Amino acid sequence: MNVVLRGTFSHILEVLSGVPQGSVLGPLLFLLFVNELPSWIMSDMKMFADDTKVWCKIKSGTDGITLQEDLDRLVVKHLATEVLIPTNAKLCTLAILVRLNTIWESVL
C-alpha cells in the first residue's frame, strides 16, 4: 500500500491486516467483519455503524454470568483474536438500571 499526497507517492508498504483509513472499501469490509457478532452471544445486541450495545435483564446470577461470558467472547475471542479489531476500553461504559429499593454492586 502507498499514499499519494499532492502527486507525490510514498514508499510501498505491505499491509498485513486491517483496512486503510479513507478507503472506498473500508466501510464495507468493516461491516463484513462485524456482521456475525450477534451470532456469537446469547444476550441482546444492537449495532449501528461502529457502535455496539449489549444488554440483558438480570433475573438471576446465571444471567449475569451469561452477560459477562458474552462480553468476554466478543472482546477477547472474536474481536481481538479472530478479526483483529482492537476495542477501546475508555469508550466502554456500564449502565445499571434497577428498581427502587434494590441493592446492586458491580465492578467495571
PDB file of N, CA and C in Angstrom:
ATOM      1  N   MET A   1       0.847  -1.168   0.000  1.00  0.00           N
ATOM      2  CA  MET A   1       0.000   0.000   0.000  1.00  0.00           C
ATOM      3  C   MET A   1       0.895   1.233   0.000  1.00  0.00           C
ATOM      4  N   ASN A   2       0.440   2.258  -0.656  1.00  0.00           N
ATOM      5  CA  ASN A   2       1.133   3.528  -0.581  1.00  0.00           C
ATOM      6  C   ASN A   2       0.118   4.665  -0.579  1.00  0.00           C
ATOM      7  N   VAL A   3       0.593   5.850  -0.287  1.00  0.00           N
ATOM      8  CA  VAL A   3      -0.260   7.029  -0.180  1.00  0.00           C
ATOM      9  C   VAL A   3       0.210   8.065  -1.197  1.00  0.00           C
ATOM     10  N   VAL A   4      -0.752   8.775  -1.762  1.00  0.00           N
ATOM     11  CA  VAL A   4      -0.429   9.849  -2.700  1.00  0.00           C
ATOM     12  C   VAL A   4      -0.871  11.168  -2.072  1.00  0.00           C
ATOM     13  N   LEU A   5       0.038  12.115  -1.991  1.00  0.00           N
ATOM     14  CA  LEU A   5      -0.269  13.431  -1.458  1.00  0.00           C
ATOM     15  C   LEU A   5       0.310  14.476  -2.408  1.00  0.00           C
ATOM     16  N   ARG A   6      -0.587  15.258  -2.999  1.00  0.00           N
ATOM     17  CA  ARG A   6      -0.194  16.302  -3.954  1.00  0.00           C
ATOM     18  C   ARG A   6       0.689  15.748  -5.072  1.00  0.00           C
ATOM     19  N   GLY A   7       0.301  14.576  -5.572  1.00  0.00           N
ATOM     20  CA  GLY A   7       1.015  13.976  -6.695  1.00  0.00           C
ATOM     21  C   GLY A   7       2.287  13.240  -6.337  1.00  0.00           C
ATOM     22  N   THR A   8       2.675  13.220  -5.079  1.00  0.00           N
ATOM     23  CA  THR A   8       3.885  12.516  -4.644  1.00  0.00           C
ATOM     24  C   THR A   8       3.499  11.208  -3.963  1.00  0.00           C
ATOM     25  N   PHE A   9       4.110  10.111  -4.409  1.00  0.00           N
ATOM     26  CA  PHE A   9       3.810   8.784  -3.872  1.00  0.00           C
ATOM     27  C   PHE A   9       4.752   8.436  -2.725  1.00  0.00           C
ATOM     28  N   SER A  10       4.195   7.843  -1.677  1.00  0.00           N
ATOM     29  CA  SER A  10       5.024   7.358  -0.575  1.00  0.00           C
ATOM     30  C   SER A  10       5.654   6.025  -0.980  1.00  0.00           C
ATOM     31  N   HIS A  11       6.543   5.526  -0.144  1.00  0.00           N
ATOM     32  CA  HIS A  11       7.121   4.206  -0.384  1.00  0.00           C
ATOM     33  C   HIS A  11       6.035   3.150  -0.182  1.00  0.00           C
ATOM     34  N   ILE A  12       6.112   2.061  -0.918  1.00  0.00           N
ATOM     35  CA  ILE A  12       5.145   0.976  -0.793  1.00  0.00           C
ATOM     36  C   ILE A  12       5.446   0.192   0.475  1.00  0.00           C
ATOM     37  N   LEU A  13       4.385  -0.077   1.242  1.00  0.00           N
ATOM     38  CA  LEU A  13       4.499  -0.813   2.494  1.00  0.00           C
ATOM     39  C   LEU A  13       3.470  -1.935   2.486  1.00  0.00           C
ATOM     40  N   GLU A  14       3.878  -3.131   2.851  1.00  0.00           N
ATOM     41  CA  GLU A  14       2.956  -4.268   2.892  1.00  0.00           C
ATOM     42  C   GLU A  14       2.023  -4.125   4.092  1.00  0.00           C
ATOM     43  N   VAL A  15       0.720  -4.244   3.855  1.00  0.00           N
ATOM     44  CA  VAL A  15      -0.285  -4.157   4.906  1.00  0.00           C
ATOM     45  C   VAL A  15      -0.709  -5.572   5.258  1.00  0.00           C
ATOM     46  N   LEU A  16      -0.497  -5.971   6.510  1.00  0.00           N
ATOM     47  CA  LEU A  16      -0.771  -7.340   6.925  1.00  0.00           C
ATOM     48  C   LEU A  16      -2.176  -7.546   7.463  1.00  0.00           C
ATOM     49  N   SER A  17      -2.817  -6.494   7.951  1.00  0.00           N
ATOM     50  CA  SER A  17      -4.173  -6.632   8.484  1.00  0.00           C
ATOM     51  C   SER A  17      -4.842  -5.270   8.512  1.00  0.00           C
ATOM     52  N   GLY A  18      -6.152  -5.293   8.737  1.00  0.00           N
ATOM     53  CA  GLY A  18      -6.895  -4.051   8.861  1.00  0.00           C
ATOM     54  C   GLY A  18      -7.314  -3.484   7.525  1.00  0.00           C
ATOM     55  N   VAL A  19      -7.951  -2.338   7.589  1.00  0.00           N
ATOM     56  CA  VAL A  19      -8.443  -1.638   6.406  1.00  0.00           C
ATOM     57  C   VAL A  19      -7.900  -0.221   6.453  1.00  0.00           C
ATOM     58  N   PRO A  20      -7.293   0.246   5.378  1.00  0.00           N
ATOM     59  CA  PRO A  20      -6.752   1.612   5.384  1.00  0.00           C
ATOM     60  C   PRO A  20      -7.847   2.653   5.611  1.00  0.00           C
ATOM     61  N   GLN A  21      -7.548   3.673   6.406  1.00  0.00           N
ATOM     62  CA  GLN A  21      -8.491   4.755   6.652  1.00  0.00           C
ATOM     63  C   GLN A  21      -8.741   5.516   5.354  1.00  0.00           C
ATOM     64  N   GLY A  22      -9.982   5.887   5.110  1.00  0.00           N
ATOM     65  CA  GLY A  22     -10.319   6.666   3.935  1.00  0.00           C
ATOM     66  C   GLY A  22     -10.482   5.854   2.667  1.00  0.00           C
ATOM     67  N   SER A  23     -10.418   4.542   2.767  1.00  0.00           N
ATOM     68  CA  SER A  23     -10.555   3.727   1.568  1.00  0.00           C
ATOM     69  C   SER A  23     -12.027   3.620   1.169  1.00  0.00           C
ATOM     70  N   VAL A  24     -12.262   3.312  -0.078  1.00  0.00           N
ATOM     71  CA  VAL A  24     -13.619   3.157  -0.576  1.00  0.00           C
ATOM     72  C   VAL A  24     -14.241   1.877  -0.029  1.00  0.00           C
ATOM     73  N   LEU A  25     -13.456   0.828   0.077  1.00  0.00           N
ATOM     74  CA  LEU A  25     -13.970  -0.455   0.556  1.00  0.00           C
ATOM     75  C   LEU A  25     -13.976  -0.570   2.077  1.00  0.00           C
ATOM     76  N   GLY A  26     -13.345   0.376   2.775  1.00  0.00           N
ATOM     77  CA  GLY A  26     -13.234   0.295   4.231  1.00  0.00           C
ATOM     78  C   GLY A  26     -14.543   0.032   4.951  1.00  0.00           C
ATOM     79  N   PRO A  27     -15.580   0.849   4.731  1.00  0.00           N
ATOM     80  CA  PRO A  27     -16.850   0.620   5.430  1.00  0.00           C
ATOM     81  C   PRO A  27     -17.473  -0.743   5.114  1.00  0.00           C
ATOM     82  N   LEU A  28     -17.380  -1.180   3.871  1.00  0.00           N
ATOM     83  CA  LEU A  28     -17.935  -2.488   3.508  1.00  0.00           C
ATOM     84  C   LEU A  28     -17.174  -3.609   4.193  1.00  0.00           C
ATOM     85  N   LEU A  29     -15.858  -3.535   4.182  1.00  0.00           N
ATOM     86  CA  LEU A  29     -15.068  -4.580   4.831  1.00  0.00           C
ATOM     87  C   LEU A  29     -15.310  -4.604   6.334  1.00  0.00           C
ATOM     88  N   PHE A  30     -15.467  -3.421   6.949  1.00  0.00           N
ATOM     89  CA  PHE A  30     -15.761  -3.369   8.381  1.00  0.00           C
ATOM     90  C   PHE A  30     -17.081  -4.079   8.676  1.00  0.00           C
ATOM     91  N   LEU A  31     -18.107  -3.812   7.866  1.00  0.00           N
ATOM     92  CA  LEU A  31     -19.402  -4.465   8.064  1.00  0.00           C
ATOM     93  C   LEU A  31     -19.293  -5.972   7.909  1.00  0.00           C
ATOM     94  N   LEU A  32     -18.493  -6.432   6.965  1.00  0.00           N
ATOM     95  CA  LEU A  32     -18.300  -7.878   6.805  1.00  0.00           C
ATOM     96  C   LEU A  32     -17.637  -8.477   8.039  1.00  0.00           C
ATOM     97  N   PHE A  33     -16.697  -7.734   8.636  1.00  0.00           N
ATOM     98  CA  PHE A  33     -16.026  -8.211   9.841  1.00  0.00           C
ATOM     99  C   PHE A  33     -16.990  -8.338  11.015  1.00  0.00           C
ATOM    100  N   VAL A  34     -17.820  -7.319  11.237  1.00  0.00           N
ATOM    101  CA  VAL A  34     -18.644  -7.287  12.444  1.00  0.00           C
ATOM    102  C   VAL A  34     -20.045  -7.856  12.245  1.00  0.00           C
ATOM    103  N   ASN A  35     -20.406  -8.199  11.023  1.00  0.00           N
ATOM    104  CA  ASN A  35     -21.762  -8.664  10.739  1.00  0.00           C
ATOM    105  C   ASN A  35     -22.147  -9.911  11.517  1.00  0.00           C
ATOM    106  N   GLU A  36     -21.188 -10.752  11.837  1.00  0.00           N
ATOM    107  CA  GLU A  36     -21.508 -12.000  12.535  1.00  0.00           C
ATOM    108  C   GLU A  36     -21.468 -11.879  14.062  1.00  0.00           C
ATOM    109  N   LEU A  37     -21.197 -10.706  14.589  1.00  0.00           N
ATOM    110  CA  LEU A  37     -21.128 -10.549  16.052  1.00  0.00           C
ATOM    111  C   LEU A  37     -22.375 -11.065  16.775  1.00  0.00           C
ATOM    112  N   PRO A  38     -23.592 -10.768  16.312  1.00  0.00           N
ATOM    113  CA  PRO A  38     -24.767 -11.250  17.047  1.00  0.00           C
ATOM    114  C   PRO A  38     -24.839 -12.777  17.170  1.00  0.00           C
ATOM    115  N   SER A  39     -24.218 -13.504  16.273  1.00  0.00           N
ATOM    116  CA  SER A  39     -24.267 -14.967  16.357  1.00  0.00           C
ATOM    117  C   SER A  39     -23.335 -15.521  17.424  1.00  0.00           C
ATOM    118  N   TRP A  40     -22.475 -14.685  17.987  1.00  0.00           N
ATOM    119  CA  TRP A  40     -21.511 -15.140  18.988  1.00  0.00           C
ATOM    120  C   TRP A  40     -22.043 -15.072  20.410  1.00  0.00           C
ATOM    121  N   ILE A  41     -23.172 -14.403  20.630  1.00  0.00           N
ATOM    122  CA  ILE A  41     -23.615 -14.178  22.011  1.00  0.00           C
ATOM    123  C   ILE A  41     -25.078 -14.562  22.195  1.00  0.00           C
ATOM    124  N   MET A  42     -25.468 -14.693  23.469  1.00  0.00           N
ATOM    125  CA  MET A  42     -26.852 -15.012  23.816  1.00  0.00           C
ATOM    126  C   MET A  42     -27.627 -13.779  24.272  1.00  0.00           C
ATOM    127  N   SER A  43     -26.926 -12.742  24.699  1.00  0.00           N
ATOM    128  CA  SER A  43     -27.571 -11.517  25.175  1.00  0.00           C
ATOM    129  C   SER A  43     -28.123 -10.722  23.996  1.00  0.00           C
ATOM    130  N   ASP A  44     -28.968  -9.721  24.310  1.00  0.00           N
ATOM    131  CA  ASP A  44     -29.495  -8.839  23.274  1.00  0.00           C
ATOM    132  C   ASP A  44     -28.388  -7.917  22.777  1.00  0.00           C
ATOM    133  N   MET A  45     -28.462  -7.556  21.499  1.00  0.00           N
ATOM    134  CA  MET A  45     -27.439  -6.703  20.904  1.00  0.00           C
ATOM    135  C   MET A  45     -28.058  -5.795  19.849  1.00  0.00           C
ATOM    136  N   LYS A  46     -27.616  -4.556  19.821  1.00  0.00           N
ATOM    137  CA  LYS A  46     -27.972  -3.603  18.769  1.00  0.00           C
ATOM    138  C   LYS A  46     -26.671  -3.028  18.220  1.00  0.00           C
ATOM    139  N   MET A  47     -26.618  -2.873  16.906  1.00  0.00           N
ATOM    140  CA  MET A  47     -25.427  -2.334  16.259  1.00  0.00           C
ATOM    141  C   MET A  47     -25.816  -1.194  15.325  1.00  0.00           C
ATOM    142  N   PHE A  48     -25.010  -0.144  15.334  1.00  0.00           N
ATOM    143  CA  PHE A  48     -25.172   0.961  14.391  1.00  0.00           C
ATOM    144  C   PHE A  48     -23.787   1.499  14.085  1.00  0.00           C
ATOM    145  N   ALA A  49     -23.414   1.465  12.822  1.00  0.00           N
ATOM    146  CA  ALA A  49     -22.083   1.884  12.379  1.00  0.00           C
ATOM    147  C   ALA A  49     -21.034   1.121  13.187  1.00  0.00           C
ATOM    148  N   ASP A  50     -20.170   1.818  13.919  1.00  0.00           N
ATOM    149  CA  ASP A  50     -19.148   1.112  14.696  1.00  0.00           C
ATOM    150  C   ASP A  50     -19.478   1.049  16.186  1.00  0.00           C
ATOM    151  N   ASP A  51     -20.734   1.323  16.551  1.00  0.00           N
ATOM    152  CA  ASP A  51     -21.179   1.224  17.949  1.00  0.00           C
ATOM    153  C   ASP A  51     -21.946  -0.068  18.154  1.00  0.00           C
ATOM    154  N   THR A  52     -21.692  -0.725  19.264  1.00  0.00           N
ATOM    155  CA  THR A  52     -22.390  -1.957  19.613  1.00  0.00           C
ATOM    156  C   THR A  52     -22.876  -1.864  21.042  1.00  0.00           C
ATOM    157  N   LYS A  53     -24.138  -2.192  21.258  1.00  0.00           N
ATOM    158  CA  LYS A  53     -24.723  -2.205  22.597  1.00  0.00           C
ATOM    159  C   LYS A  53     -25.119  -3.648  22.910  1.00  0.00           C
ATOM    160  N   VAL A  54     -24.705  -4.145  24.064  1.00  0.00           N
ATOM    161  CA  VAL A  54     -25.045  -5.493  24.521  1.00  0.00           C
ATOM    162  C   VAL A  54     -25.704  -5.353  25.880  1.00  0.00           C
ATOM    163  N   TRP A  55     -26.824  -6.043  26.090  1.00  0.00           N
ATOM    164  CA  TRP A  55     -27.521  -5.948  27.370  1.00  0.00           C
ATOM    165  C   TRP A  55     -28.354  -7.195  27.607  1.00  0.00           C
ATOM    166  N   CYS A  56     -28.769  -7.347  28.848  1.00  0.00           N
ATOM    167  CA  CYS A  56     -29.742  -8.381  29.201  1.00  0.00           C
ATOM    168  C   CYS A  56     -30.383  -8.018  30.536  1.00  0.00           C
ATOM    169  N   LYS A  57     -31.551  -8.556  30.761  1.00  0.00           N
ATOM    170  CA  LYS A  57     -32.229  -8.372  32.034  1.00  0.00           C
ATOM    171  C   LYS A  57     -31.677  -9.422  32.991  1.00  0.00           C
ATOM    172  N   ILE A  58     -31.154  -8.986  34.117  1.00  0.00           N
ATOM    173  CA  ILE A  58     -30.561  -9.892  35.097  1.00  0.00           C
ATOM    174  C   ILE A  58     -31.641 -10.296  36.091  1.00  0.00           C
ATOM    175  N   LYS A  59     -32.097 -11.528  35.970  1.00  0.00           N
ATOM    176  CA  LYS A  59     -33.108 -12.054  36.897  1.00  0.00           C
ATOM    177  C   LYS A  59     -32.495 -13.027  37.882  1.00  0.00           C
ATOM    178  N   SER A  60     -31.308 -13.538  37.549  1.00  0.00           N
ATOM    179  CA  SER A  60     -30.631 -14.485  38.441  1.00  0.00           C
ATOM    180  C   SER A  60     -29.127 -14.350  38.240  1.00  0.00           C
ATOM    181  N   GLY A  61     -28.373 -15.030  39.085  1.00  0.00           N
ATOM    182  CA  GLY A  61     -26.917 -14.997  38.975  1.00  0.00           C
ATOM    183  C   GLY A  61     -26.416 -15.544  37.650  1.00  0.00           C
ATOM    184  N   THR A  62     -27.121 -16.527  37.114  1.00  0.00           N
ATOM    185  CA  THR A  62     -26.685 -17.093  35.838  1.00  0.00           C
ATOM    186  C   THR A  62     -26.843 -16.103  34.690  1.00  0.00           C
ATOM    187  N   ASP A  63     -27.821 -15.194  34.781  1.00  0.00           N
ATOM    188  CA  ASP A  63     -27.980 -14.168  33.746  1.00  0.00           C
ATOM    189  C   ASP A  63     -26.763 -13.238  33.723  1.00  0.00           C
ATOM    190  N   GLY A  64     -26.283 -12.883  34.902  1.00  0.00           N
ATOM    191  CA  GLY A  64     -25.094 -12.031  34.985  1.00  0.00           C
ATOM    192  C   GLY A  64     -23.857 -12.734  34.442  1.00  0.00           C
ATOM    193  N   ILE A  65     -23.745 -14.021  34.745  1.00  0.00           N
ATOM    194  CA  ILE A  65     -22.617 -14.802  34.236  1.00  0.00           C
ATOM    195  C   ILE A  65     -22.682 -14.898  32.715  1.00  0.00           C
ATOM    196  N   THR A  66     -23.890 -15.115  32.182  1.00  0.00           N
ATOM    197  CA  THR A  66     -24.064 -15.189  30.727  1.00  0.00           C
ATOM    198  C   THR A  66     -23.665 -13.886  30.059  1.00  0.00           C
ATOM    199  N   LEU A  67     -24.078 -12.757  30.630  1.00  0.00           N
ATOM    200  CA  LEU A  67     -23.717 -11.457  30.068  1.00  0.00           C
ATOM    201  C   LEU A  67     -22.203 -11.275  30.076  1.00  0.00           C
ATOM    202  N   GLN A  68     -21.555 -11.615  31.189  1.00  0.00           N
ATOM    203  CA  GLN A  68     -20.097 -11.466  31.265  1.00  0.00           C
ATOM    204  C   GLN A  68     -19.403 -12.379  30.261  1.00  0.00           C
ATOM    205  N   GLU A  69     -19.889 -13.608  30.122  1.00  0.00           N
ATOM    206  CA  GLU A  69     -19.302 -14.532  29.144  1.00  0.00           C
ATOM    207  C   GLU A  69     -19.467 -13.995  27.722  1.00  0.00           C
ATOM    208  N   ASP A  70     -20.618 -13.390  27.430  1.00  0.00           N
ATOM    209  CA  ASP A  70     -20.848 -12.805  26.108  1.00  0.00           C
ATOM    210  C   ASP A  70     -19.866 -11.669  25.839  1.00  0.00           C
ATOM    211  N   LEU A  71     -19.687 -10.791  26.829  1.00  0.00           N
ATOM    212  CA  LEU A  71     -18.751  -9.683  26.666  1.00  0.00           C
ATOM    213  C   LEU A  71     -17.325 -10.189  26.475  1.00  0.00           C
ATOM    214  N   ASP A  72     -16.941 -11.194  27.269  1.00  0.00           N
ATOM    215  CA  ASP A  72     -15.608 -11.782  27.120  1.00  0.00           C
ATOM    216  C   ASP A  72     -15.445 -12.400  25.735  1.00  0.00           C
ATOM    217  N   ARG A  73     -16.460 -13.098  25.287  1.00  0.00           N
ATOM    218  CA  ARG A  73     -16.414 -13.757  23.979  1.00  0.00           C
ATOM    219  C   ARG A  73     -16.263 -12.730  22.861  1.00  0.00           C
ATOM    220  N   LEU A  74     -17.001 -11.642  22.960  1.00  0.00           N
ATOM    221  CA  LEU A  74     -16.923 -10.608  21.926  1.00  0.00           C
ATOM    222  C   LEU A  74     -15.570  -9.909  21.914  1.00  0.00           C
ATOM    223  N   VAL A  75     -15.156  -9.426  23.079  1.00  0.00           N
ATOM    224  CA  VAL A  75     -13.954  -8.597  23.146  1.00  0.00           C
ATOM    225  C   VAL A  75     -12.684  -9.430  23.063  1.00  0.00           C
ATOM    226  N   VAL A  76     -12.599 -10.478  23.853  1.00  0.00           N
ATOM    227  CA  VAL A  76     -11.356 -11.240  23.931  1.00  0.00           C
ATOM    228  C   VAL A  76     -11.204 -12.196  22.755  1.00  0.00           C
ATOM    229  N   LYS A  77     -12.214 -13.009  22.516  1.00  0.00           N
ATOM    230  CA  LYS A  77     -12.064 -14.034  21.489  1.00  0.00           C
ATOM    231  C   LYS A  77     -12.267 -13.487  20.088  1.00  0.00           C
ATOM    232  N   HIS A  78     -13.431 -12.940  19.834  1.00  0.00           N
ATOM    233  CA  HIS A  78     -13.776 -12.590  18.460  1.00  0.00           C
ATOM    234  C   HIS A  78     -13.029 -11.363  17.943  1.00  0.00           C
ATOM    235  N   LEU A  79     -13.183 -10.245  18.603  1.00  0.00           N
ATOM    236  CA  LEU A  79     -12.604  -9.010  18.083  1.00  0.00           C
ATOM    237  C   LEU A  79     -11.087  -9.002  18.166  1.00  0.00           C
ATOM    238  N   ALA A  80     -10.536  -9.433  19.288  1.00  0.00           N
ATOM    239  CA  ALA A  80      -9.095  -9.327  19.484  1.00  0.00           C
ATOM    240  C   ALA A  80      -8.300 -10.394  18.741  1.00  0.00           C
ATOM    241  N   THR A  81      -8.810 -11.615  18.647  1.00  0.00           N
ATOM    242  CA  THR A  81      -8.005 -12.686  18.067  1.00  0.00           C
ATOM    243  C   THR A  81      -8.447 -13.121  16.683  1.00  0.00           C
ATOM    244  N   GLU A  82      -9.731 -13.063  16.385  1.00  0.00           N
ATOM    245  CA  GLU A  82     -10.214 -13.546  15.099  1.00  0.00           C
ATOM    246  C   GLU A  82     -10.252 -12.435  14.056  1.00  0.00           C
ATOM    247  N   VAL A  83     -10.795 -11.289  14.406  1.00  0.00           N
ATOM    248  CA  VAL A  83     -10.984 -10.207  13.445  1.00  0.00           C
ATOM    249  C   VAL A  83      -9.861  -9.175  13.543  1.00  0.00           C
ATOM    250  N   LEU A  84      -9.150  -9.170  14.660  1.00  0.00           N
ATOM    251  CA  LEU A  84      -8.052  -8.233  14.908  1.00  0.00           C
ATOM    252  C   LEU A  84      -8.507  -6.776  14.922  1.00  0.00           C
ATOM    253  N   ILE A  85      -9.706  -6.550  15.472  1.00  0.00           N
ATOM    254  CA  ILE A  85     -10.192  -5.185  15.670  1.00  0.00           C
ATOM    255  C   ILE A  85     -10.026  -4.857  17.147  1.00  0.00           C
ATOM    256  N   PRO A  86      -9.174  -3.906  17.486  1.00  0.00           N
ATOM    257  CA  PRO A  86      -8.989  -3.579  18.901  1.00  0.00           C
ATOM    258  C   PRO A  86     -10.198  -2.836  19.466  1.00  0.00           C
ATOM    259  N   THR A  87     -10.436  -3.014  20.749  1.00  0.00           N
ATOM    260  CA  THR A  87     -11.500  -2.267  21.410  1.00  0.00           C
ATOM    261  C   THR A  87     -10.856  -1.198  22.289  1.00  0.00           C
ATOM    262  N   ASN A  88     -11.564  -0.115  22.487  1.00  0.00           N
ATOM    263  CA  ASN A  88     -11.061   0.987  23.287  1.00  0.00           C
ATOM    264  C   ASN A  88     -11.809   0.992  24.611  1.00  0.00           C
ATOM    265  N   ALA A  89     -11.144   0.544  25.670  1.00  0.00           N
ATOM    266  CA  ALA A  89     -11.779   0.445  26.980  1.00  0.00           C
ATOM    267  C   ALA A  89     -12.266   1.798  27.493  1.00  0.00           C
ATOM    268  N   LYS A  90     -11.629   2.891  27.071  1.00  0.00           N
ATOM    269  CA  LYS A  90     -12.048   4.223  27.510  1.00  0.00           C
ATOM    270  C   LYS A  90     -13.424   4.598  26.955  1.00  0.00           C
ATOM    271  N   LEU A  91     -13.819   3.964  25.855  1.00  0.00           N
ATOM    272  CA  LEU A  91     -15.120   4.251  25.256  1.00  0.00           C
ATOM    273  C   LEU A  91     -16.212   3.289  25.717  1.00  0.00           C
ATOM    274  N   CYS A  92     -15.845   2.295  26.521  1.00  0.00           N
ATOM    275  CA  CYS A  92     -16.819   1.326  27.016  1.00  0.00           C
ATOM    276  C   CYS A  92     -17.455   1.848  28.298  1.00  0.00           C
ATOM    277  N   THR A  93     -18.754   1.674  28.424  1.00  0.00           N
ATOM    278  CA  THR A  93     -19.454   2.125  29.622  1.00  0.00           C
ATOM    279  C   THR A  93     -20.361   1.020  30.136  1.00  0.00           C
ATOM    280  N   LEU A  94     -20.707   1.126  31.384  1.00  0.00           N
ATOM    281  CA  LEU A  94     -21.609   0.189  32.033  1.00  0.00           C
ATOM    282  C   LEU A  94     -22.773   0.982  32.606  1.00  0.00           C
ATOM    283  N   ALA A  95     -23.974   0.566  32.292  1.00  0.00           N
ATOM    284  CA  ALA A  95     -25.163   1.201  32.846  1.00  0.00           C
ATOM    285  C   ALA A  95     -25.962   0.141  33.590  1.00  0.00           C
ATOM    286  N   ILE A  96     -26.319   0.439  34.817  1.00  0.00           N
ATOM    287  CA  ILE A  96     -27.131  -0.478  35.615  1.00  0.00           C
ATOM    288  C   ILE A  96     -28.439   0.224  35.934  1.00  0.00           C
ATOM    289  N   LEU A  97     -29.521  -0.362  35.478  1.00  0.00           N
ATOM    290  CA  LEU A  97     -30.849   0.188  35.736  1.00  0.00           C
ATOM    291  C   LEU A  97     -31.554  -0.744  36.712  1.00  0.00           C
ATOM    292  N   VAL A  98     -31.988  -0.198  37.848  1.00  0.00           N
ATOM    293  CA  VAL A  98     -32.615  -1.024  38.876  1.00  0.00           C
ATOM    294  C   VAL A  98     -33.905  -0.367  39.350  1.00  0.00           C
ATOM    295  N   ARG A  99     -34.759  -1.190  39.943  1.00  0.00           N
ATOM    296  CA  ARG A  99     -35.961  -0.651  40.582  1.00  0.00           C
ATOM    297  C   ARG A  99     -35.578  -0.039  41.918  1.00  0.00           C
ATOM    298  N   LEU A 100     -36.428   0.794  42.455  1.00  0.00           N
ATOM    299  CA  LEU A 100     -36.171   1.390  43.758  1.00  0.00           C
ATOM    300  C   LEU A 100     -36.034   0.305  44.810  1.00  0.00           C
ATOM    301  N   ASN A 101     -35.245   0.588  45.849  1.00  0.00           N
ATOM    302  CA  ASN A 101     -35.024  -0.316  46.975  1.00  0.00           C
ATOM    303  C   ASN A 101     -34.294  -1.602  46.569  1.00  0.00           C
ATOM    304  N   THR A 102     -33.547  -1.554  45.477  1.00  0.00           N
ATOM    305  CA  THR A 102     -32.764  -2.705  45.048  1.00  0.00           C
ATOM    306  C   THR A 102     -31.295  -2.375  45.242  1.00  0.00           C
ATOM    307  N   ILE A 103     -30.568  -3.296  45.816  1.00  0.00           N
ATOM    308  CA  ILE A 103     -29.123  -3.102  46.025  1.00  0.00           C
ATOM    309  C   ILE A 103     -28.387  -3.907  44.955  1.00  0.00           C
ATOM    310  N   TRP A 104     -27.501  -3.255  44.241  1.00  0.00           N
ATOM    311  CA  TRP A 104     -26.741  -3.931  43.187  1.00  0.00           C
ATOM    312  C   TRP A 104     -25.322  -3.412  43.206  1.00  0.00           C
ATOM    313  N   GLU A 105     -24.381  -4.301  43.233  1.00  0.00           N
ATOM    314  CA  GLU A 105     -22.979  -3.907  43.195  1.00  0.00           C
ATOM    315  C   GLU A 105     -22.362  -4.412  41.913  1.00  0.00           C
ATOM    316  N   SER A 106     -21.489  -3.619  41.323  1.00  0.00           N
ATOM    317  CA  SER A 106     -20.817  -4.015  40.100  1.00  0.00           C
ATOM    318  C   SER A 106     -19.426  -3.429  40.073  1.00  0.00           C
ATOM    319  N   VAL A 107     -18.531  -4.140  39.434  1.00  0.00           N
ATOM    320  CA  VAL A 107     -17.166  -3.670  39.270  1.00  0.00           C
ATOM    321  C   VAL A 107     -16.893  -3.613  37.779  1.00  0.00           C
ATOM    322  N   LEU A 108     -16.433  -2.460  37.303  1.00  0.00           N
ATOM    323  CA  LEU A 108     -16.120  -2.295  35.881  1.00  0.00           C
ATOM    324  C   LEU A 108     -14.646  -2.270  35.696  1.00  0.00           C
TER     325      LEU A 108
END
